[in-house]
Amino acid sequence: MRSGEVKRRTNETDISVKLSLDGTGKAEIATGVGFFDHMLDLFARHSLIDLAVTVKGDTHIDDHHTVEDAGIALGEALKQALGDKKGIRRYADVHLPMDETLTRVAVDVSGRPFLVFRTSFKAEKIGTFDTELVREFFQAFAINAGLTLHVETLYGDNAHHIAESCFKGLARALRHALEVDPREGGRVPSTKGAL
């Protein structure tokens, strides 16, 4: 089983992440931020990554450190689980509809971290959750996982739908990109021989 485990403790957060890339989408999420829990739960379900995330963060200040640091730890755990990346499909993209919203997500499991995030929100909050934290999560996750990640909401109005389409789009793209391709025969999917 391709799995990763990361524990990360700072003065702002105490985080534990466990994941298995070859799972069934089982999720045990407790970050102290309700909307973020919902996003991680659906991320696990749609990626088929088994995911356990526990965060004790300084949410009495705001949710920023909890969300960003969870992205860091999740990215590190994903990178650990991938190892040398032998046999994976590497590339994937998806157009994810969510009612009136359509988001495109493309990923390259390249080892070269980069984020293009072309998504905007008409509302600053989803309940008590700051919508700007969606980008913060994606940035922290992509950089620490070593992903080239492009996220673009083509259109949409409802902030909840926009955020959900981004997380589900990431999940569905990763689900395909991280699959083992039997035609690769255990090779690294790169002419360089390494990712």
Protein backbone atom coordinates (compact mmCIF):
# COMPACT_ATOMS: atom_id res chain seq x y z
CA MET A 1 0.00 0.00 0.00
CA ARG A 2 1.26 3.48 -0.92
CA SER A 3 0.83 5.39 2.30
CA GLY A 4 2.16 8.42 4.12
CA GLU A 5 2.08 9.74 7.66
CA VAL A 6 3.08 13.21 8.85
CA LYS A 7 3.00 14.83 12.25
CA ARG A 8 3.61 18.56 12.29
CA ARG A 9 3.71 20.74 15.39
CA THR A 10 4.27 24.50 15.56
CA ASN A 11 3.26 27.22 17.99
CA GLU A 12 0.10 27.64 15.88
CA THR A 13 -0.98 24.10 15.01
CA ASP A 14 -0.59 20.46 15.99
CA ILE A 15 -1.37 18.23 13.04
CA SER A 16 -1.53 14.51 12.35
CA VAL A 17 -2.13 13.21 8.81
CA LYS A 18 -2.33 9.63 7.57
CA LEU A 19 -3.26 8.70 4.04
CA SER A 20 -3.36 5.71 1.73
CA LEU A 21 -3.44 6.31 -2.01
CA ASP A 22 -4.95 2.90 -2.71
CA GLY A 23 -7.96 3.28 -0.47
CA THR A 24 -11.72 3.55 -0.81
CA GLY A 25 -12.23 7.19 0.18
CA LYS A 26 -12.62 6.59 3.91
CA ALA A 27 -12.26 9.86 5.85
CA GLU A 28 -11.71 10.68 9.51
CA ILE A 29 -11.45 14.47 9.63
CA ALA A 30 -11.34 16.77 12.67
CA THR A 31 -9.74 20.16 12.02
CA GLY A 32 -11.98 22.34 14.17
CA VAL A 33 -13.12 24.19 11.03
CA GLY A 34 -16.46 22.80 9.90
CA PHE A 35 -16.44 23.86 6.26
CA PHE A 36 -12.83 22.71 5.83
CA ASP A 37 -13.76 19.31 7.35
CA HIS A 38 -16.49 19.07 4.71
CA MET A 39 -14.01 19.86 1.90
CA LEU A 40 -11.46 17.29 3.11
CA ASP A 41 -14.20 14.68 3.54
CA LEU A 42 -15.37 15.08 -0.05
CA PHE A 43 -11.74 15.24 -1.25
CA ALA A 44 -11.15 11.80 0.28
CA ARG A 45 -14.38 10.39 -1.12
CA HIS A 46 -13.79 11.57 -4.69
CA SER A 47 -10.06 10.78 -4.81
CA LEU A 48 -10.52 7.35 -3.18
CA ILE A 49 -7.64 8.28 -0.88
CA ASP A 50 -8.15 7.04 2.67
CA LEU A 51 -7.50 10.09 4.80
CA ALA A 52 -7.22 10.77 8.52
CA VAL A 53 -6.57 14.37 9.52
CA THR A 54 -6.55 15.81 13.03
CA VAL A 55 -5.69 19.45 13.67
CA LYS A 56 -5.56 21.43 16.87
CA GLY A 57 -5.08 24.99 15.72
CA ASP A 58 -5.30 28.56 16.93
CA THR A 59 -8.82 29.01 15.58
CA HIS A 60 -9.49 31.54 18.35
CA ILE A 61 -7.42 33.86 16.13
CA ASP A 62 -8.80 32.66 12.78
CA ASP A 63 -8.74 29.58 10.54
CA HIS A 64 -5.73 30.57 8.42
CA HIS A 65 -3.00 28.59 10.20
CA THR A 66 -5.19 25.50 10.50
CA VAL A 67 -6.02 25.43 6.78
CA GLU A 68 -2.57 26.35 5.48
CA ASP A 69 -0.67 24.00 7.81
CA ALA A 70 -3.05 21.15 7.01
CA GLY A 71 -2.27 21.75 3.33
CA ILE A 72 1.45 21.56 4.11
CA ALA A 73 1.09 18.29 6.04
CA LEU A 74 -1.23 16.72 3.46
CA GLY A 75 1.18 17.62 0.69
CA GLU A 76 4.11 16.12 2.59
CA ALA A 77 2.14 12.92 3.25
CA LEU A 78 1.16 12.61 -0.41
CA LYS A 79 4.76 13.09 -1.53
CA GLN A 80 5.88 10.45 0.97
CA ALA A 81 3.23 8.00 -0.24
CA LEU A 82 4.26 8.44 -3.88
CA GLY A 83 7.89 7.50 -3.27
CA ASP A 84 9.73 7.32 -6.61
CA LYS A 85 6.42 7.68 -8.55
CA LYS A 86 7.09 4.55 -10.61
CA GLY A 87 4.16 3.40 -12.71
CA ILE A 88 1.78 6.32 -12.07
CA ARG A 89 -0.19 7.97 -14.86
CA ARG A 90 1.27 11.36 -13.78
CA TYR A 91 -1.02 13.71 -15.75
CA ALA A 92 -4.75 14.25 -15.43
CA ASP A 93 -7.39 16.90 -15.86
CA VAL A 94 -11.07 17.22 -15.18
CA HIS A 95 -13.93 19.64 -15.73
CA LEU A 96 -16.02 19.49 -12.56
CA PRO A 97 -19.60 20.82 -12.67
CA MET A 98 -21.33 21.83 -9.45
CA ASP A 99 -24.78 23.18 -10.29
CA GLU A 100 -24.16 26.61 -11.92
CA THR A 101 -20.38 26.36 -11.44
CA LEU A 102 -17.78 24.75 -13.69
CA THR A 103 -14.15 24.38 -12.60
CA ARG A 104 -11.24 22.94 -14.58
CA VAL A 105 -8.38 21.25 -12.69
CA ALA A 106 -5.22 19.92 -14.33
CA VAL A 107 -2.36 18.24 -12.49
CA ASP A 108 1.13 17.02 -13.28
CA VAL A 109 2.74 14.93 -10.55
CA SER A 110 6.06 16.35 -11.69
CA GLY A 111 8.08 17.04 -8.58
CA ARG A 112 8.15 20.67 -9.78
CA PRO A 113 5.71 22.55 -7.55
CA PHE A 114 3.68 25.31 -9.15
CA LEU A 115 0.16 26.63 -8.68
CA VAL A 116 -1.99 28.59 -11.10
CA PHE A 117 -5.23 29.47 -9.30
CA ARG A 118 -7.75 31.42 -11.35
CA THR A 119 -10.77 31.26 -9.11
CA SER A 120 -12.55 34.14 -7.47
CA PHE A 121 -15.38 34.32 -4.98
CA LYS A 122 -18.22 36.84 -4.93
CA ALA A 123 -18.50 36.38 -1.17
CA GLU A 124 -15.73 36.73 1.43
CA LYS A 125 -17.22 34.03 3.68
CA ILE A 126 -18.89 30.67 3.47
CA GLY A 127 -20.52 30.64 6.87
CA THR A 128 -17.56 31.63 9.05
CA PHE A 129 -14.96 30.29 6.58
CA ASP A 130 -12.84 32.87 4.71
CA THR A 131 -13.03 32.04 1.00
CA GLU A 132 -9.45 33.29 0.46
CA LEU A 133 -8.30 30.23 2.44
CA VAL A 134 -9.24 27.95 -0.46
CA ARG A 135 -6.28 29.31 -2.42
CA GLU A 136 -4.05 29.12 0.68
CA PHE A 137 -4.81 25.42 1.00
CA PHE A 138 -4.16 24.70 -2.66
CA GLN A 139 -0.87 26.63 -2.57
CA ALA A 140 0.41 24.81 0.52
CA PHE A 141 -0.73 21.42 -0.79
CA ALA A 142 0.74 21.79 -4.30
CA ILE A 143 4.10 23.12 -3.11
CA ASN A 144 4.61 20.43 -0.48
CA ALA A 145 3.33 17.55 -2.64
CA GLY A 146 5.51 18.63 -5.57
CA LEU A 147 2.57 19.09 -7.95
CA THR A 148 2.14 21.37 -10.91
CA LEU A 149 -1.49 22.31 -10.36
CA HIS A 150 -3.83 24.50 -12.41
CA VAL A 151 -7.26 25.39 -11.02
CA GLU A 152 -9.62 27.66 -12.93
CA THR A 153 -13.28 28.30 -12.28
CA LEU A 154 -14.73 29.01 -15.71
CA TYR A 155 -17.97 30.37 -14.27
CA GLY A 156 -20.03 30.23 -11.11
CA ASP A 157 -21.91 32.33 -8.58
CA ASN A 158 -22.37 30.44 -5.33
CA ALA A 159 -19.23 30.52 -3.15
CA HIS A 160 -19.93 27.11 -1.63
CA HIS A 161 -20.31 25.56 -5.08
CA ILE A 162 -17.13 27.22 -6.32
CA ALA A 163 -15.06 25.96 -3.38
CA GLU A 164 -16.57 22.49 -3.60
CA SER A 165 -15.91 22.26 -7.34
CA CYS A 166 -12.24 23.13 -6.72
CA PHE A 167 -11.79 20.43 -4.06
CA LYS A 168 -13.76 17.80 -6.00
CA GLY A 169 -11.89 18.69 -9.18
CA LEU A 170 -8.55 18.25 -7.40
CA ALA A 171 -9.73 14.92 -5.99
CA ARG A 172 -10.91 13.57 -9.34
CA ALA A 173 -7.77 14.70 -11.18
CA LEU A 174 -5.49 13.17 -8.54
CA ARG A 175 -7.51 9.97 -8.55
CA HIS A 176 -6.55 9.44 -12.18
CA ALA A 177 -2.99 10.89 -12.05
CA LEU A 178 -1.97 8.72 -9.08
CA GLU A 179 -3.34 5.48 -10.50
CA VAL A 180 -0.81 2.84 -11.42
CA ASP A 181 -0.80 2.41 -15.19
CA PRO A 182 -0.16 -1.25 -16.04
CA ARG A 183 1.29 -0.22 -19.42
CA GLU A 184 4.08 1.70 -17.67
CA GLY A 185 5.48 -1.57 -16.38
CA GLY A 186 6.78 0.06 -13.19
CA ARG A 187 8.74 2.76 -15.04
CA VAL A 188 8.87 6.40 -13.97
CA PRO A 189 6.65 8.29 -16.44
CA SER A 190 9.37 10.63 -17.67
CA THR A 191 12.07 10.52 -20.33
CA LYS A 192 14.44 11.79 -17.61
CA GLY A 193 13.95 8.57 -15.65
CA ALA A 194 13.07 10.45 -12.48
CA LEU A 195 10.41 12.84 -11.20
